[in-house]
Amino acid sequence: MSLLRVLLAIFFPPLSVIGYGCGSIIIVFLLTLCGWVPGIIGALVILNNTK
């Protein structure tokens, strides 16, 4: 997880998970529509996943 991705997750969460597939982008986008904080948390969880 790079610093640039973390900053993108804070300011524009869907853009930070763009390399993790379409499903991740949609999930984070929907969470961001529900609220800014859930979008950030969802993006950071996806970015922190080490699979």
PDB file of N, CA and C in Angstrom:
ATOM      1  N   MET A   1       0.864  -1.171   0.000  1.00  0.00           N
ATOM      2  CA  MET A   1       0.000   0.000   0.000  1.00  0.00           C
ATOM      3  C   MET A   1       0.906   1.228   0.000  1.00  0.00           C
ATOM      4  N   SER A   2       0.807   1.999  -1.058  1.00  0.00           N
ATOM      5  CA  SER A   2       1.673   3.161  -1.189  1.00  0.00           C
ATOM      6  C   SER A   2       0.998   4.406  -0.613  1.00  0.00           C
ATOM      7  N   LEU A   3       1.797   5.403  -0.378  1.00  0.00           N
ATOM      8  CA  LEU A   3       1.301   6.660   0.174  1.00  0.00           C
ATOM      9  C   LEU A   3       0.324   7.330  -0.785  1.00  0.00           C
ATOM     10  N   LEU A   4       0.591   7.242  -2.075  1.00  0.00           N
ATOM     11  CA  LEU A   4      -0.303   7.836  -3.069  1.00  0.00           C
ATOM     12  C   LEU A   4      -1.676   7.179  -3.027  1.00  0.00           C
ATOM     13  N   ARG A   5      -1.716   5.869  -2.905  1.00  0.00           N
ATOM     14  CA  ARG A   5      -3.008   5.161  -2.823  1.00  0.00           C
ATOM     15  C   ARG A   5      -3.767   5.545  -1.549  1.00  0.00           C
ATOM     16  N   VAL A   6      -3.069   5.705  -0.450  1.00  0.00           N
ATOM     17  CA  VAL A   6      -3.729   6.101   0.802  1.00  0.00           C
ATOM     18  C   VAL A   6      -4.299   7.505   0.674  1.00  0.00           C
ATOM     19  N   LEU A   7      -3.548   8.412   0.079  1.00  0.00           N
ATOM     20  CA  LEU A   7      -4.058   9.770  -0.117  1.00  0.00           C
ATOM     21  C   LEU A   7      -5.252   9.781  -1.065  1.00  0.00           C
ATOM     22  N   LEU A   8      -5.209   8.965  -2.118  1.00  0.00           N
ATOM     23  CA  LEU A   8      -6.355   8.858  -3.010  1.00  0.00           C
ATOM     24  C   LEU A   8      -7.553   8.269  -2.284  1.00  0.00           C
ATOM     25  N   ALA A   9      -7.315   7.313  -1.387  1.00  0.00           N
ATOM     26  CA  ALA A   9      -8.409   6.713  -0.625  1.00  0.00           C
ATOM     27  C   ALA A   9      -9.070   7.742   0.275  1.00  0.00           C
ATOM     28  N   ILE A  10      -8.323   8.701   0.751  1.00  0.00           N
ATOM     29  CA  ILE A  10      -8.892   9.727   1.617  1.00  0.00           C
ATOM     30  C   ILE A  10      -9.668  10.762   0.814  1.00  0.00           C
ATOM     31  N   PHE A  11      -9.125  11.183  -0.330  1.00  0.00           N
ATOM     32  CA  PHE A  11      -9.757  12.266  -1.071  1.00  0.00           C
ATOM     33  C   PHE A  11     -10.751  11.787  -2.134  1.00  0.00           C
ATOM     34  N   PHE A  12     -10.498  10.663  -2.792  1.00  0.00           N
ATOM     35  CA  PHE A  12     -11.412  10.122  -3.797  1.00  0.00           C
ATOM     36  C   PHE A  12     -11.313   8.596  -3.767  1.00  0.00           C
ATOM     37  N   PRO A  13     -12.060   7.963  -2.867  1.00  0.00           N
ATOM     38  CA  PRO A  13     -11.919   6.522  -2.638  1.00  0.00           C
ATOM     39  C   PRO A  13     -12.059   5.626  -3.868  1.00  0.00           C
ATOM     40  N   PRO A  14     -13.027   5.836  -4.781  1.00  0.00           N
ATOM     41  CA  PRO A  14     -13.118   4.910  -5.916  1.00  0.00           C
ATOM     42  C   PRO A  14     -11.887   4.926  -6.828  1.00  0.00           C
ATOM     43  N   LEU A  15     -11.228   6.050  -6.923  1.00  0.00           N
ATOM     44  CA  LEU A  15     -10.042   6.142  -7.772  1.00  0.00           C
ATOM     45  C   LEU A  15      -8.870   5.348  -7.193  1.00  0.00           C
ATOM     46  N   SER A  16      -8.834   5.196  -5.897  1.00  0.00           N
ATOM     47  CA  SER A  16      -7.703   4.498  -5.278  1.00  0.00           C
ATOM     48  C   SER A  16      -7.742   2.994  -5.512  1.00  0.00           C
ATOM     49  N   VAL A  17      -8.918   2.416  -5.781  1.00  0.00           N
ATOM     50  CA  VAL A  17      -9.019   0.960  -5.976  1.00  0.00           C
ATOM     51  C   VAL A  17      -9.199   0.596  -7.440  1.00  0.00           C
ATOM     52  N   ILE A  18      -8.808   1.474  -8.343  1.00  0.00           N
ATOM     53  CA  ILE A  18      -9.040   1.250  -9.768  1.00  0.00           C
ATOM     54  C   ILE A  18      -8.292   0.028 -10.297  1.00  0.00           C
ATOM     55  N   GLY A  19      -7.215  -0.352  -9.693  1.00  0.00           N
ATOM     56  CA  GLY A  19      -6.454  -1.516 -10.151  1.00  0.00           C
ATOM     57  C   GLY A  19      -6.923  -2.831  -9.559  1.00  0.00           C
ATOM     58  N   TYR A  20      -7.980  -2.825  -8.772  1.00  0.00           N
ATOM     59  CA  TYR A  20      -8.442  -4.022  -8.089  1.00  0.00           C
ATOM     60  C   TYR A  20      -9.713  -4.601  -8.691  1.00  0.00           C
ATOM     61  N   GLY A  21     -10.114  -4.153  -9.859  1.00  0.00           N
ATOM     62  CA  GLY A  21     -11.259  -4.723 -10.547  1.00  0.00           C
ATOM     63  C   GLY A  21     -12.505  -3.860 -10.457  1.00  0.00           C
ATOM     64  N   CYS A  22     -13.433  -4.172 -11.347  1.00  0.00           N
ATOM     65  CA  CYS A  22     -14.658  -3.390 -11.460  1.00  0.00           C
ATOM     66  C   CYS A  22     -15.545  -3.535 -10.220  1.00  0.00           C
ATOM     67  N   GLY A  23     -15.573  -4.716  -9.642  1.00  0.00           N
ATOM     68  CA  GLY A  23     -16.403  -4.941  -8.453  1.00  0.00           C
ATOM     69  C   GLY A  23     -15.969  -4.087  -7.281  1.00  0.00           C
ATOM     70  N   SER A  24     -14.681  -3.951  -7.098  1.00  0.00           N
ATOM     71  CA  SER A  24     -14.162  -3.133  -6.007  1.00  0.00           C
ATOM     72  C   SER A  24     -14.508  -1.665  -6.208  1.00  0.00           C
ATOM     73  N   ILE A  25     -14.422  -1.220  -7.446  1.00  0.00           N
ATOM     74  CA  ILE A  25     -14.748   0.178  -7.736  1.00  0.00           C
ATOM     75  C   ILE A  25     -16.213   0.450  -7.446  1.00  0.00           C
ATOM     76  N   ILE A  26     -17.082  -0.476  -7.850  1.00  0.00           N
ATOM     77  CA  ILE A  26     -18.519  -0.290  -7.628  1.00  0.00           C
ATOM     78  C   ILE A  26     -18.847  -0.305  -6.143  1.00  0.00           C
ATOM     79  N   ILE A  27     -18.255  -1.234  -5.406  1.00  0.00           N
ATOM     80  CA  ILE A  27     -18.516  -1.316  -3.962  1.00  0.00           C
ATOM     81  C   ILE A  27     -18.074  -0.037  -3.265  1.00  0.00           C
ATOM     82  N   VAL A  28     -16.872   0.416  -3.565  1.00  0.00           N
ATOM     83  CA  VAL A  28     -16.362   1.629  -2.919  1.00  0.00           C
ATOM     84  C   VAL A  28     -17.173   2.854  -3.353  1.00  0.00           C
ATOM     85  N   PHE A  29     -17.594   2.889  -4.611  1.00  0.00           N
ATOM     86  CA  PHE A  29     -18.416   3.997  -5.080  1.00  0.00           C
ATOM     87  C   PHE A  29     -19.750   4.036  -4.343  1.00  0.00           C
ATOM     88  N   LEU A  30     -20.380   2.888  -4.166  1.00  0.00           N
ATOM     89  CA  LEU A  30     -21.653   2.847  -3.434  1.00  0.00           C
ATOM     90  C   LEU A  30     -21.473   3.224  -1.967  1.00  0.00           C
ATOM     91  N   LEU A  31     -20.382   2.779  -1.373  1.00  0.00           N
ATOM     92  CA  LEU A  31     -20.104   3.171   0.010  1.00  0.00           C
ATOM     93  C   LEU A  31     -19.849   4.668   0.113  1.00  0.00           C
ATOM     94  N   THR A  32     -19.185   5.232  -0.886  1.00  0.00           N
ATOM     95  CA  THR A  32     -18.931   6.669  -0.887  1.00  0.00           C
ATOM     96  C   THR A  32     -20.230   7.445  -1.044  1.00  0.00           C
ATOM     97  N   LEU A  33     -21.165   6.919  -1.828  1.00  0.00           N
ATOM     98  CA  LEU A  33     -22.468   7.574  -1.948  1.00  0.00           C
ATOM     99  C   LEU A  33     -23.224   7.563  -0.625  1.00  0.00           C
ATOM    100  N   CYS A  34     -23.040   6.507   0.157  1.00  0.00           N
ATOM    101  CA  CYS A  34     -23.689   6.428   1.484  1.00  0.00           C
ATOM    102  C   CYS A  34     -23.052   7.397   2.470  1.00  0.00           C
ATOM    103  N   GLY A  35     -21.812   7.689   2.269  1.00  0.00           N
ATOM    104  CA  GLY A  35     -21.093   8.603   3.157  1.00  0.00           C
ATOM    105  C   GLY A  35     -19.617   8.570   2.840  1.00  0.00           C
ATOM    106  N   TRP A  36     -18.975   9.666   3.143  1.00  0.00           N
ATOM    107  CA  TRP A  36     -17.561   9.775   2.801  1.00  0.00           C
ATOM    108  C   TRP A  36     -16.705   8.812   3.633  1.00  0.00           C
ATOM    109  N   VAL A  37     -16.991   8.707   4.923  1.00  0.00           N
ATOM    110  CA  VAL A  37     -16.197   7.853   5.813  1.00  0.00           C
ATOM    111  C   VAL A  37     -16.335   6.368   5.451  1.00  0.00           C
ATOM    112  N   PRO A  38     -17.551   5.846   5.179  1.00  0.00           N
ATOM    113  CA  PRO A  38     -17.616   4.440   4.756  1.00  0.00           C
ATOM    114  C   PRO A  38     -16.846   4.156   3.467  1.00  0.00           C
ATOM    115  N   GLY A  39     -16.818   5.114   2.557  1.00  0.00           N
ATOM    116  CA  GLY A  39     -16.045   4.948   1.332  1.00  0.00           C
ATOM    117  C   GLY A  39     -14.559   4.854   1.608  1.00  0.00           C
ATOM    118  N   ILE A  40     -14.077   5.692   2.508  1.00  0.00           N
ATOM    119  CA  ILE A  40     -12.660   5.661   2.879  1.00  0.00           C
ATOM    120  C   ILE A  40     -12.313   4.333   3.547  1.00  0.00           C
ATOM    121  N   ILE A  41     -13.162   3.899   4.462  1.00  0.00           N
ATOM    122  CA  ILE A  41     -12.897   2.640   5.168  1.00  0.00           C
ATOM    123  C   ILE A  41     -12.909   1.473   4.186  1.00  0.00           C
ATOM    124  N   GLY A  42     -13.877   1.447   3.280  1.00  0.00           N
ATOM    125  CA  GLY A  42     -13.933   0.374   2.285  1.00  0.00           C
ATOM    126  C   GLY A  42     -12.712   0.363   1.388  1.00  0.00           C
ATOM    127  N   ALA A  43     -12.278   1.531   0.951  1.00  0.00           N
ATOM    128  CA  ALA A  43     -11.096   1.609   0.094  1.00  0.00           C
ATOM    129  C   ALA A  43      -9.846   1.152   0.830  1.00  0.00           C
ATOM    130  N   LEU A  44      -9.701   1.556   2.083  1.00  0.00           N
ATOM    131  CA  LEU A  44      -8.518   1.147   2.851  1.00  0.00           C
ATOM    132  C   LEU A  44      -8.526  -0.342   3.132  1.00  0.00           C
ATOM    133  N   VAL A  45      -9.689  -0.923   3.340  1.00  0.00           N
ATOM    134  CA  VAL A  45      -9.776  -2.377   3.551  1.00  0.00           C
ATOM    135  C   VAL A  45      -9.361  -3.122   2.280  1.00  0.00           C
ATOM    136  N   ILE A  46      -9.846  -2.665   1.137  1.00  0.00           N
ATOM    137  CA  ILE A  46      -9.475  -3.303  -0.122  1.00  0.00           C
ATOM    138  C   ILE A  46      -7.991  -3.130  -0.409  1.00  0.00           C
ATOM    139  N   LEU A  47      -7.454  -1.946  -0.142  1.00  0.00           N
ATOM    140  CA  LEU A  47      -6.025  -1.704  -0.370  1.00  0.00           C
ATOM    141  C   LEU A  47      -5.155  -2.520   0.572  1.00  0.00           C
ATOM    142  N   ASN A  48      -5.654  -2.787   1.777  1.00  0.00           N
ATOM    143  CA  ASN A  48      -4.865  -3.508   2.776  1.00  0.00           C
ATOM    144  C   ASN A  48      -4.947  -5.012   2.593  1.00  0.00           C
ATOM    145  N   ASN A  49      -5.857  -5.491   1.748  1.00  0.00           N
ATOM    146  CA  ASN A  49      -5.984  -6.910   1.500  1.00  0.00           C
ATOM    147  C   ASN A  49      -4.746  -7.405   0.763  1.00  0.00           C
ATOM    148  N   THR A  50      -4.057  -8.398   1.303  1.00  0.00           N
ATOM    149  CA  THR A  50      -2.766  -8.828   0.755  1.00  0.00           C
ATOM    150  C   THR A  50      -2.861 -10.088  -0.092  1.00  0.00           C
ATOM    151  N   LYS A  51      -4.039 -10.471  -0.535  1.00  0.00           N
ATOM    152  CA  LYS A  51      -4.185 -11.691  -1.329  1.00  0.00           C
ATOM    153  C   LYS A  51      -3.431 -11.609  -2.615  1.00  0.00           C
TER     154      LYS A  51
END
